[in-house]
Amino acid sequence: RMVGAYLERAGYAVELVHDGVEAVASARAVTPDAMVLDLG
């Protein structure tokens, strides 16, 4: 949420997800320009 808030203030449209399976599905659905991806 904190990272998302900073990115939103910088003018980006932000989607937050919290696990890997959802991340792949969201990447297909929203076609992001960039992804901030946690390793664990």
PDB file of all heavy atoms in Angstrom:
ATOM      1  N   ARG A   1       0.827  -1.205   0.000  1.00  0.00           N
ATOM      2  CA  ARG A   1       0.000   0.000   0.000  1.00  0.00           C
ATOM      3  C   ARG A   1       0.867   1.264   0.000  1.00  0.00           C
ATOM      4  O   ARG A   1       0.540   2.249  -0.682  1.00  0.00           O
ATOM      5  CB  ARG A   1      -0.926   0.003   1.213  1.00  0.00           C
ATOM      6  CG  ARG A   1      -2.036  -1.039   1.155  1.00  0.00           C
ATOM      7  CD  ARG A   1      -3.082  -0.767   2.229  1.00  0.00           C
ATOM      8  NE  ARG A   1      -4.020  -1.864   2.349  1.00  0.00           N
ATOM      9  CZ  ARG A   1      -3.973  -2.808   3.289  1.00  0.00           C
ATOM     10  NH1 ARG A   1      -3.016  -2.767   4.212  1.00  0.00           N
ATOM     11  NH2 ARG A   1      -4.867  -3.778   3.320  1.00  0.00           N
ATOM     12  N   MET A   2       1.954   1.244   0.769  1.00  0.00           N
ATOM     13  CA  MET A   2       2.824   2.415   0.832  1.00  0.00           C
ATOM     14  C   MET A   2       3.475   2.675  -0.530  1.00  0.00           C
ATOM     15  O   MET A   2       3.480   3.812  -1.022  1.00  0.00           O
ATOM     16  CB  MET A   2       3.910   2.220   1.897  1.00  0.00           C
ATOM     17  CG  MET A   2       4.872   3.399   2.004  1.00  0.00           C
ATOM     18  SD  MET A   2       6.084   3.194   3.332  1.00  0.00           S
ATOM     19  CE  MET A   2       7.023   1.803   2.684  1.00  0.00           C
ATOM     20  N   VAL A   3       4.007   1.612  -1.151  1.00  0.00           N
ATOM     21  CA  VAL A   3       4.615   1.762  -2.476  1.00  0.00           C
ATOM     22  C   VAL A   3       3.576   2.260  -3.476  1.00  0.00           C
ATOM     23  O   VAL A   3       3.834   3.165  -4.276  1.00  0.00           O
ATOM     24  CB  VAL A   3       5.231   0.429  -2.935  1.00  0.00           C
ATOM     25  CG1 VAL A   3       5.614   0.482  -4.409  1.00  0.00           C
ATOM     26  CG2 VAL A   3       6.456   0.086  -2.090  1.00  0.00           C
ATOM     27  N   GLY A   4       2.375   1.665  -3.418  1.00  0.00           N
ATOM     28  CA  GLY A   4       1.316   2.079  -4.322  1.00  0.00           C
ATOM     29  C   GLY A   4       0.953   3.544  -4.150  1.00  0.00           C
ATOM     30  O   GLY A   4       0.735   4.265  -5.130  1.00  0.00           O
ATOM     31  N   ALA A   5       0.915   3.993  -2.904  1.00  0.00           N
ATOM     32  CA  ALA A   5       0.563   5.388  -2.646  1.00  0.00           C
ATOM     33  C   ALA A   5       1.599   6.341  -3.229  1.00  0.00           C
ATOM     34  O   ALA A   5       1.250   7.375  -3.823  1.00  0.00           O
ATOM     35  CB  ALA A   5       0.419   5.619  -1.137  1.00  0.00           C
ATOM     36  N   TYR A   6       2.878   6.013  -3.060  1.00  0.00           N
ATOM     37  CA  TYR A   6       3.934   6.857  -3.621  1.00  0.00           C
ATOM     38  C   TYR A   6       3.855   6.884  -5.150  1.00  0.00           C
ATOM     39  O   TYR A   6       4.028   7.940  -5.775  1.00  0.00           O
ATOM     40  CB  TYR A   6       5.313   6.355  -3.178  1.00  0.00           C
ATOM     41  CG  TYR A   6       5.772   6.922  -1.855  1.00  0.00           C
ATOM     42  CD1 TYR A   6       5.388   6.344  -0.649  1.00  0.00           C
ATOM     43  CD2 TYR A   6       6.606   8.031  -1.802  1.00  0.00           C
ATOM     44  CE1 TYR A   6       5.811   6.857   0.570  1.00  0.00           C
ATOM     45  CE2 TYR A   6       7.038   8.552  -0.588  1.00  0.00           C
ATOM     46  CZ  TYR A   6       6.636   7.958   0.594  1.00  0.00           C
ATOM     47  OH  TYR A   6       7.066   8.480   1.795  1.00  0.00           O
ATOM     48  N   LEU A   7       3.586   5.732  -5.759  1.00  0.00           N
ATOM     49  CA  LEU A   7       3.495   5.675  -7.218  1.00  0.00           C
ATOM     50  C   LEU A   7       2.281   6.445  -7.728  1.00  0.00           C
ATOM     51  O   LEU A   7       2.342   7.128  -8.749  1.00  0.00           O
ATOM     52  CB  LEU A   7       3.433   4.220  -7.680  1.00  0.00           C
ATOM     53  CG  LEU A   7       4.739   3.428  -7.548  1.00  0.00           C
ATOM     54  CD1 LEU A   7       4.485   1.937  -7.736  1.00  0.00           C
ATOM     55  CD2 LEU A   7       5.772   3.914  -8.563  1.00  0.00           C
ATOM     56  N   GLU A   8       1.172   6.341  -6.989  1.00  0.00           N
ATOM     57  CA  GLU A   8      -0.019   7.095  -7.372  1.00  0.00           C
ATOM     58  C   GLU A   8       0.237   8.598  -7.304  1.00  0.00           C
ATOM     59  O   GLU A   8      -0.182   9.360  -8.189  1.00  0.00           O
ATOM     60  CB  GLU A   8      -1.191   6.713  -6.474  1.00  0.00           C
ATOM     61  CG  GLU A   8      -1.756   5.333  -6.777  1.00  0.00           C
ATOM     62  CD  GLU A   8      -2.752   4.871  -5.730  1.00  0.00           C
ATOM     63  OE1 GLU A   8      -2.979   5.626  -4.750  1.00  0.00           O
ATOM     64  OE2 GLU A   8      -3.287   3.768  -5.884  1.00  0.00           O
ATOM     65  N   ARG A   9       0.946   9.036  -6.254  1.00  0.00           N
ATOM     66  CA  ARG A   9       1.259  10.457  -6.133  1.00  0.00           C
ATOM     67  C   ARG A   9       2.164  10.926  -7.275  1.00  0.00           C
ATOM     68  O   ARG A   9       2.161  12.111  -7.631  1.00  0.00           O
ATOM     69  CB  ARG A   9       1.914  10.746  -4.781  1.00  0.00           C
ATOM     70  CG  ARG A   9       0.906  10.791  -3.639  1.00  0.00           C
ATOM     71  CD  ARG A   9       1.445  11.539  -2.442  1.00  0.00           C
ATOM     72  NE  ARG A   9       2.504  10.807  -1.762  1.00  0.00           N
ATOM     73  CZ  ARG A   9       2.307   9.950  -0.776  1.00  0.00           C
ATOM     74  NH1 ARG A   9       1.069   9.699  -0.357  1.00  0.00           N
ATOM     75  NH2 ARG A   9       3.324   9.327  -0.203  1.00  0.00           N
ATOM     76  N   ALA A  10       2.936   9.991  -7.829  1.00  0.00           N
ATOM     77  CA  ALA A  10       3.798  10.322  -8.971  1.00  0.00           C
ATOM     78  C   ALA A  10       3.027  10.316 -10.287  1.00  0.00           C
ATOM     79  O   ALA A  10       3.596  10.601 -11.339  1.00  0.00           O
ATOM     80  CB  ALA A  10       4.962   9.333  -9.048  1.00  0.00           C
ATOM     81  N   GLY A  11       1.736   9.995 -10.231  1.00  0.00           N
ATOM     82  CA  GLY A  11       0.889  10.100 -11.410  1.00  0.00           C
ATOM     83  C   GLY A  11       0.625   8.805 -12.144  1.00  0.00           C
ATOM     84  O   GLY A  11       0.101   8.821 -13.265  1.00  0.00           O
ATOM     85  N   TYR A  12       0.947   7.651 -11.523  1.00  0.00           N
ATOM     86  CA  TYR A  12       0.761   6.365 -12.183  1.00  0.00           C
ATOM     87  C   TYR A  12      -0.553   5.711 -11.771  1.00  0.00           C
ATOM     88  O   TYR A  12      -1.069   5.941 -10.669  1.00  0.00           O
ATOM     89  CB  TYR A  12       1.916   5.419 -11.852  1.00  0.00           C
ATOM     90  CG  TYR A  12       3.263   5.942 -12.305  1.00  0.00           C
ATOM     91  CD1 TYR A  12       4.274   6.202 -11.381  1.00  0.00           C
ATOM     92  CD2 TYR A  12       3.517   6.176 -13.650  1.00  0.00           C
ATOM     93  CE1 TYR A  12       5.510   6.683 -11.794  1.00  0.00           C
ATOM     94  CE2 TYR A  12       4.745   6.660 -14.070  1.00  0.00           C
ATOM     95  CZ  TYR A  12       5.737   6.923 -13.140  1.00  0.00           C
ATOM     96  OH  TYR A  12       6.957   7.402 -13.562  1.00  0.00           O
ATOM     97  N   ALA A  13      -1.073   4.882 -12.656  1.00  0.00           N
ATOM     98  CA  ALA A  13      -2.213   4.034 -12.325  1.00  0.00           C
ATOM     99  C   ALA A  13      -1.660   2.747 -11.742  1.00  0.00           C
ATOM    100  O   ALA A  13      -0.833   2.085 -12.367  1.00  0.00           O
ATOM    101  CB  ALA A  13      -3.035   3.735 -13.581  1.00  0.00           C
ATOM    102  N   VAL A  14      -2.101   2.400 -10.548  1.00  0.00           N
ATOM    103  CA  VAL A  14      -1.464   1.329  -9.787  1.00  0.00           C
ATOM    104  C   VAL A  14      -2.436   0.200  -9.508  1.00  0.00           C
ATOM    105  O   VAL A  14      -3.593   0.425  -9.140  1.00  0.00           O
ATOM    106  CB  VAL A  14      -0.908   1.863  -8.443  1.00  0.00           C
ATOM    107  CG1 VAL A  14      -0.247   0.737  -7.645  1.00  0.00           C
ATOM    108  CG2 VAL A  14       0.103   2.984  -8.696  1.00  0.00           C
ATOM    109  N   GLU A  15      -1.936  -1.039  -9.659  1.00  0.00           N
ATOM    110  CA  GLU A  15      -2.673  -2.240  -9.273  1.00  0.00           C
ATOM    111  C   GLU A  15      -1.818  -2.976  -8.249  1.00  0.00           C
ATOM    112  O   GLU A  15      -0.613  -3.179  -8.461  1.00  0.00           O
ATOM    113  CB  GLU A  15      -2.913  -3.121 -10.499  1.00  0.00           C
ATOM    114  CG  GLU A  15      -3.517  -4.477 -10.193  1.00  0.00           C
ATOM    115  CD  GLU A  15      -4.983  -4.569 -10.580  1.00  0.00           C
ATOM    116  OE1 GLU A  15      -5.518  -3.566 -11.081  1.00  0.00           O
ATOM    117  OE2 GLU A  15      -5.570  -5.637 -10.366  1.00  0.00           O
ATOM    118  N   LEU A  16      -2.423  -3.379  -7.140  1.00  0.00           N
ATOM    119  CA  LEU A  16      -1.713  -4.113  -6.094  1.00  0.00           C
ATOM    120  C   LEU A  16      -2.195  -5.555  -6.055  1.00  0.00           C
ATOM    121  O   LEU A  16      -3.403  -5.803  -6.023  1.00  0.00           O
ATOM    122  CB  LEU A  16      -1.948  -3.484  -4.722  1.00  0.00           C
ATOM    123  CG  LEU A  16      -1.632  -1.990  -4.530  1.00  0.00           C
ATOM    124  CD1 LEU A  16      -1.885  -1.605  -3.076  1.00  0.00           C
ATOM    125  CD2 LEU A  16      -0.205  -1.670  -4.928  1.00  0.00           C
ATOM    126  N   VAL A  17      -1.271  -6.498  -6.046  1.00  0.00           N
ATOM    127  CA  VAL A  17      -1.604  -7.895  -5.812  1.00  0.00           C
ATOM    128  C   VAL A  17      -0.603  -8.460  -4.815  1.00  0.00           C
ATOM    129  O   VAL A  17       0.488  -7.909  -4.633  1.00  0.00           O
ATOM    130  CB  VAL A  17      -1.619  -8.734  -7.115  1.00  0.00           C
ATOM    131  CG1 VAL A  17      -2.648  -8.205  -8.091  1.00  0.00           C
ATOM    132  CG2 VAL A  17      -0.240  -8.758  -7.762  1.00  0.00           C
ATOM    133  N   HIS A  18      -0.962  -9.593  -4.190  1.00  0.00           N
ATOM    134  CA  HIS A  18      -0.187 -10.054  -3.046  1.00  0.00           C
ATOM    135  C   HIS A  18       0.302 -11.495  -3.147  1.00  0.00           C
ATOM    136  O   HIS A  18       0.864 -12.014  -2.190  1.00  0.00           O
ATOM    137  CB  HIS A  18      -1.005  -9.869  -1.763  1.00  0.00           C
ATOM    138  CG  HIS A  18      -1.517  -8.463  -1.580  1.00  0.00           C
ATOM    139  ND1 HIS A  18      -0.679  -7.380  -1.440  1.00  0.00           N
ATOM    140  CD2 HIS A  18      -2.788  -7.966  -1.564  1.00  0.00           C
ATOM    141  CE1 HIS A  18      -1.407  -6.281  -1.319  1.00  0.00           C
ATOM    142  NE2 HIS A  18      -2.688  -6.613  -1.395  1.00  0.00           N
ATOM    143  N   ASP A  19       0.090 -12.153  -4.289  1.00  0.00           N
ATOM    144  CA  ASP A  19       0.683 -13.480  -4.455  1.00  0.00           C
ATOM    145  C   ASP A  19       1.016 -13.712  -5.916  1.00  0.00           C
ATOM    146  O   ASP A  19       0.569 -12.971  -6.810  1.00  0.00           O
ATOM    147  CB  ASP A  19      -0.209 -14.604  -3.907  1.00  0.00           C
ATOM    148  CG  ASP A  19      -1.445 -14.863  -4.759  1.00  0.00           C
ATOM    149  OD1 ASP A  19      -1.296 -15.316  -5.908  1.00  0.00           O
ATOM    150  OD2 ASP A  19      -2.558 -14.619  -4.265  1.00  0.00           O
ATOM    151  N   GLY A  20       1.823 -14.743  -6.170  1.00  0.00           N
ATOM    152  CA  GLY A  20       2.364 -14.949  -7.500  1.00  0.00           C
ATOM    153  C   GLY A  20       1.353 -15.342  -8.551  1.00  0.00           C
ATOM    154  O   GLY A  20       1.422 -14.873  -9.700  1.00  0.00           O
ATOM    155  N   VAL A  21       0.395 -16.205  -8.201  1.00  0.00           N
ATOM    156  CA  VAL A  21      -0.606 -16.639  -9.173  1.00  0.00           C
ATOM    157  C   VAL A  21      -1.445 -15.452  -9.634  1.00  0.00           C
ATOM    158  O   VAL A  21      -1.705 -15.256 -10.827  1.00  0.00           O
ATOM    159  CB  VAL A  21      -1.496 -17.752  -8.575  1.00  0.00           C
ATOM    160  CG1 VAL A  21      -2.659 -18.064  -9.509  1.00  0.00           C
ATOM    161  CG2 VAL A  21      -0.667 -19.005  -8.313  1.00  0.00           C
ATOM    162  N   GLU A  22      -1.862 -14.635  -8.668  1.00  0.00           N
ATOM    163  CA  GLU A  22      -2.648 -13.453  -8.990  1.00  0.00           C
ATOM    164  C   GLU A  22      -1.828 -12.458  -9.818  1.00  0.00           C
ATOM    165  O   GLU A  22      -2.366 -11.755 -10.676  1.00  0.00           O
ATOM    166  CB  GLU A  22      -3.134 -12.793  -7.701  1.00  0.00           C
ATOM    167  CG  GLU A  22      -4.220 -11.751  -7.909  1.00  0.00           C
ATOM    168  CD  GLU A  22      -4.764 -11.217  -6.592  1.00  0.00           C
ATOM    169  OE1 GLU A  22      -4.214 -11.557  -5.529  1.00  0.00           O
ATOM    170  OE2 GLU A  22      -5.745 -10.466  -6.656  1.00  0.00           O
ATOM    171  N   ALA A  23      -0.513 -12.434  -9.561  1.00  0.00           N
ATOM    172  CA  ALA A  23       0.357 -11.516 -10.302  1.00  0.00           C
ATOM    173  C   ALA A  23       0.368 -11.841 -11.792  1.00  0.00           C
ATOM    174  O   ALA A  23       0.271 -10.943 -12.637  1.00  0.00           O
ATOM    175  CB  ALA A  23       1.773 -11.577  -9.747  1.00  0.00           C
ATOM    176  N   VAL A  24       0.492 -13.123 -12.131  1.00  0.00           N
ATOM    177  CA  VAL A  24       0.511 -13.521 -13.543  1.00  0.00           C
ATOM    178  C   VAL A  24      -0.827 -13.186 -14.206  1.00  0.00           C
ATOM    179  O   VAL A  24      -0.878 -12.652 -15.320  1.00  0.00           O
ATOM    180  CB  VAL A  24       0.835 -15.014 -13.683  1.00  0.00           C
ATOM    181  CG1 VAL A  24       0.747 -15.455 -15.146  1.00  0.00           C
ATOM    182  CG2 VAL A  24       2.231 -15.321 -13.122  1.00  0.00           C
ATOM    183  N   ALA A  25      -1.927 -13.493 -13.504  1.00  0.00           N
ATOM    184  CA  ALA A  25      -3.251 -13.199 -14.053  1.00  0.00           C
ATOM    185  C   ALA A  25      -3.437 -11.693 -14.257  1.00  0.00           C
ATOM    186  O   ALA A  25      -3.969 -11.250 -15.284  1.00  0.00           O
ATOM    187  CB  ALA A  25      -4.332 -13.743 -13.124  1.00  0.00           C
ATOM    188  N   SER A  26      -2.993 -10.898 -13.301  1.00  0.00           N
ATOM    189  CA  SER A  26      -3.139  -9.451 -13.415  1.00  0.00           C
ATOM    190  C   SER A  26      -2.269  -8.888 -14.527  1.00  0.00           C
ATOM    191  O   SER A  26      -2.673  -7.947 -15.224  1.00  0.00           O
ATOM    192  CB  SER A  26      -2.789  -8.776 -12.088  1.00  0.00           C
ATOM    193  OG  SER A  26      -3.730  -9.102 -11.087  1.00  0.00           O
ATOM    194  N   ALA A  27      -1.064  -9.445 -14.694  1.00  0.00           N
ATOM    195  CA  ALA A  27      -0.189  -8.983 -15.771  1.00  0.00           C
ATOM    196  C   ALA A  27      -0.837  -9.210 -17.129  1.00  0.00           C
ATOM    197  O   ALA A  27      -0.709  -8.386 -18.042  1.00  0.00           O
ATOM    198  CB  ALA A  27       1.161  -9.691 -15.699  1.00  0.00           C
ATOM    199  N   ARG A  28      -1.578 -10.318 -17.278  1.00  0.00           N
ATOM    200  CA  ARG A  28      -2.304 -10.576 -18.532  1.00  0.00           C
ATOM    201  C   ARG A  28      -3.479  -9.609 -18.691  1.00  0.00           C
ATOM    202  O   ARG A  28      -3.758  -9.119 -19.780  1.00  0.00           O
ATOM    203  CB  ARG A  28      -2.832 -12.007 -18.548  1.00  0.00           C
ATOM    204  CG  ARG A  28      -1.778 -13.067 -18.771  1.00  0.00           C
ATOM    205  CD  ARG A  28      -2.436 -14.427 -18.940  1.00  0.00           C
ATOM    206  NE  ARG A  28      -1.468 -15.498 -19.073  1.00  0.00           N
ATOM    207  CZ  ARG A  28      -0.857 -15.825 -20.212  1.00  0.00           C
ATOM    208  NH1 ARG A  28      -1.138 -15.157 -21.323  1.00  0.00           N
ATOM    209  NH2 ARG A  28       0.008 -16.817 -20.251  1.00  0.00           N
ATOM    210  N   ALA A  29      -4.159  -9.328 -17.585  1.00  0.00           N
ATOM    211  CA  ALA A  29      -5.396  -8.557 -17.656  1.00  0.00           C
ATOM    212  C   ALA A  29      -5.153  -7.066 -17.843  1.00  0.00           C
ATOM    213  O   ALA A  29      -5.845  -6.409 -18.626  1.00  0.00           O
ATOM    214  CB  ALA A  29      -6.225  -8.798 -16.397  1.00  0.00           C
ATOM    215  N   VAL A  30      -4.169  -6.508 -17.126  1.00  0.00           N
ATOM    216  CA  VAL A  30      -4.004  -5.052 -17.132  1.00  0.00           C
ATOM    217  C   VAL A  30      -2.872  -4.582 -18.043  1.00  0.00           C
ATOM    218  O   VAL A  30      -2.707  -3.380 -18.241  1.00  0.00           O
ATOM    219  CB  VAL A  30      -3.782  -4.500 -15.709  1.00  0.00           C
ATOM    220  CG1 VAL A  30      -4.904  -4.929 -14.785  1.00  0.00           C
ATOM    221  CG2 VAL A  30      -2.426  -4.926 -15.140  1.00  0.00           C
ATOM    222  N   THR A  31      -2.086  -5.513 -18.598  1.00  0.00           N
ATOM    223  CA  THR A  31      -0.945  -5.182 -19.474  1.00  0.00           C
ATOM    224  C   THR A  31      -0.158  -3.989 -18.933  1.00  0.00           C
ATOM    225  O   THR A  31      -0.166  -2.910 -19.532  1.00  0.00           O
ATOM    226  CB  THR A  31      -1.397  -4.919 -20.916  1.00  0.00           C
ATOM    227  OG1 THR A  31      -2.344  -3.840 -20.934  1.00  0.00           O
ATOM    228  CG2 THR A  31      -2.016  -6.160 -21.535  1.00  0.00           C
ATOM    229  N   PRO A  32       0.526  -4.169 -17.798  1.00  0.00           N
ATOM    230  CA  PRO A  32       1.222  -3.040 -17.183  1.00  0.00           C
ATOM    231  C   PRO A  32       2.406  -2.576 -18.022  1.00  0.00           C
ATOM    232  O   PRO A  32       2.978  -3.327 -18.811  1.00  0.00           O
ATOM    233  CB  PRO A  32       1.696  -3.625 -15.844  1.00  0.00           C
ATOM    234  CG  PRO A  32       1.862  -5.090 -16.115  1.00  0.00           C
ATOM    235  CD  PRO A  32       0.746  -5.428 -17.062  1.00  0.00           C
ATOM    236  N   ASP A  33       2.760  -1.304 -17.835  1.00  0.00           N
ATOM    237  CA  ASP A  33       3.974  -0.769 -18.445  1.00  0.00           C
ATOM    238  C   ASP A  33       5.201  -1.159 -17.634  1.00  0.00           C
ATOM    239  O   ASP A  33       6.306  -1.266 -18.184  1.00  0.00           O
ATOM    240  CB  ASP A  33       3.876   0.753 -18.533  1.00  0.00           C
ATOM    241  CG  ASP A  33       2.725   1.193 -19.421  1.00  0.00           C
ATOM    242  OD1 ASP A  33       2.823   1.009 -20.645  1.00  0.00           O
ATOM    243  OD2 ASP A  33       1.721   1.692 -18.875  1.00  0.00           O
ATOM    244  N   ALA A  34       5.014  -1.349 -16.334  1.00  0.00           N
ATOM    245  CA  ALA A  34       6.109  -1.761 -15.462  1.00  0.00           C
ATOM    246  C   ALA A  34       5.546  -2.586 -14.316  1.00  0.00           C
ATOM    247  O   ALA A  34       4.383  -2.425 -13.931  1.00  0.00           O
ATOM    248  CB  ALA A  34       6.877  -0.558 -14.926  1.00  0.00           C
ATOM    249  N   MET A  35       6.396  -3.456 -13.776  1.00  0.00           N
ATOM    250  CA  MET A  35       5.990  -4.297 -12.648  1.00  0.00           C
ATOM    251  C   MET A  35       7.057  -4.186 -11.557  1.00  0.00           C
ATOM    252  O   MET A  35       8.253  -4.295 -11.827  1.00  0.00           O
ATOM    253  CB  MET A  35       5.853  -5.758 -13.101  1.00  0.00           C
ATOM    254  CG  MET A  35       5.514  -6.724 -11.978  1.00  0.00           C
ATOM    255  SD  MET A  35       5.477  -8.466 -12.527  1.00  0.00           S
ATOM    256  CE  MET A  35       4.073  -8.426 -13.636  1.00  0.00           C
ATOM    257  N   VAL A  36       6.601  -3.947 -10.338  1.00  0.00           N
ATOM    258  CA  VAL A  36       7.462  -4.014  -9.157  1.00  0.00           C
ATOM    259  C   VAL A  36       7.184  -5.364  -8.522  1.00  0.00           C
ATOM    260  O   VAL A  36       6.082  -5.604  -8.018  1.00  0.00           O
ATOM    261  CB  VAL A  36       7.169  -2.857  -8.181  1.00  0.00           C
ATOM    262  CG1 VAL A  36       8.017  -2.984  -6.928  1.00  0.00           C
ATOM    263  CG2 VAL A  36       7.400  -1.504  -8.861  1.00  0.00           C
ATOM    264  N   LEU A  37       8.154  -6.266  -8.541  1.00  0.00           N
ATOM    265  CA  LEU A  37       7.915  -7.678  -8.250  1.00  0.00           C
ATOM    266  C   LEU A  37       8.785  -8.160  -7.100  1.00  0.00           C
ATOM    267  O   LEU A  37      10.017  -8.183  -7.203  1.00  0.00           O
ATOM    268  CB  LEU A  37       8.206  -8.500  -9.514  1.00  0.00           C
ATOM    269  CG  LEU A  37       8.099 -10.014  -9.414  1.00  0.00           C
ATOM    270  CD1 LEU A  37       6.683 -10.450  -9.043  1.00  0.00           C
ATOM    271  CD2 LEU A  37       8.529 -10.657 -10.731  1.00  0.00           C
ATOM    272  N   ASP A  38       8.145  -8.565  -6.009  1.00  0.00           N
ATOM    273  CA  ASP A  38       8.883  -9.112  -4.866  1.00  0.00           C
ATOM    274  C   ASP A  38       9.367 -10.519  -5.186  1.00  0.00           C
ATOM    275  O   ASP A  38       8.676 -11.293  -5.867  1.00  0.00           O
ATOM    276  CB  ASP A  38       7.975  -9.137  -3.632  1.00  0.00           C
ATOM    277  CG  ASP A  38       8.741  -9.505  -2.372  1.00  0.00           C
ATOM    278  OD1 ASP A  38       9.930  -9.150  -2.267  1.00  0.00           O
ATOM    279  OD2 ASP A  38       8.154 -10.163  -1.494  1.00  0.00           O
ATOM    280  N   LEU A  39      10.553 -10.864  -4.699  1.00  0.00           N
ATOM    281  CA  LEU A  39      11.102 -12.196  -4.956  1.00  0.00           C
ATOM    282  C   LEU A  39      10.379 -13.268  -4.151  1.00  0.00           C
ATOM    283  O   LEU A  39      10.058 -14.341  -4.661  1.00  0.00           O
ATOM    284  CB  LEU A  39      12.600 -12.211  -4.614  1.00  0.00           C
ATOM    285  CG  LEU A  39      13.355 -13.485  -4.951  1.00  0.00           C
ATOM    286  CD1 LEU A  39      13.398 -13.716  -6.451  1.00  0.00           C
ATOM    287  CD2 LEU A  39      14.772 -13.415  -4.395  1.00  0.00           C
ATOM    288  N   GLY A  40      10.089 -12.980  -2.870  1.00  0.00           N
ATOM    289  CA  GLY A  40       9.458 -13.972  -2.003  1.00  0.00           C
ATOM    290  C   GLY A  40       7.957 -13.801  -1.949  1.00  0.00           C
ATOM    291  O   GLY A  40       7.447 -12.916  -1.265  1.00  0.00           O
TER     292      GLY A  40
END
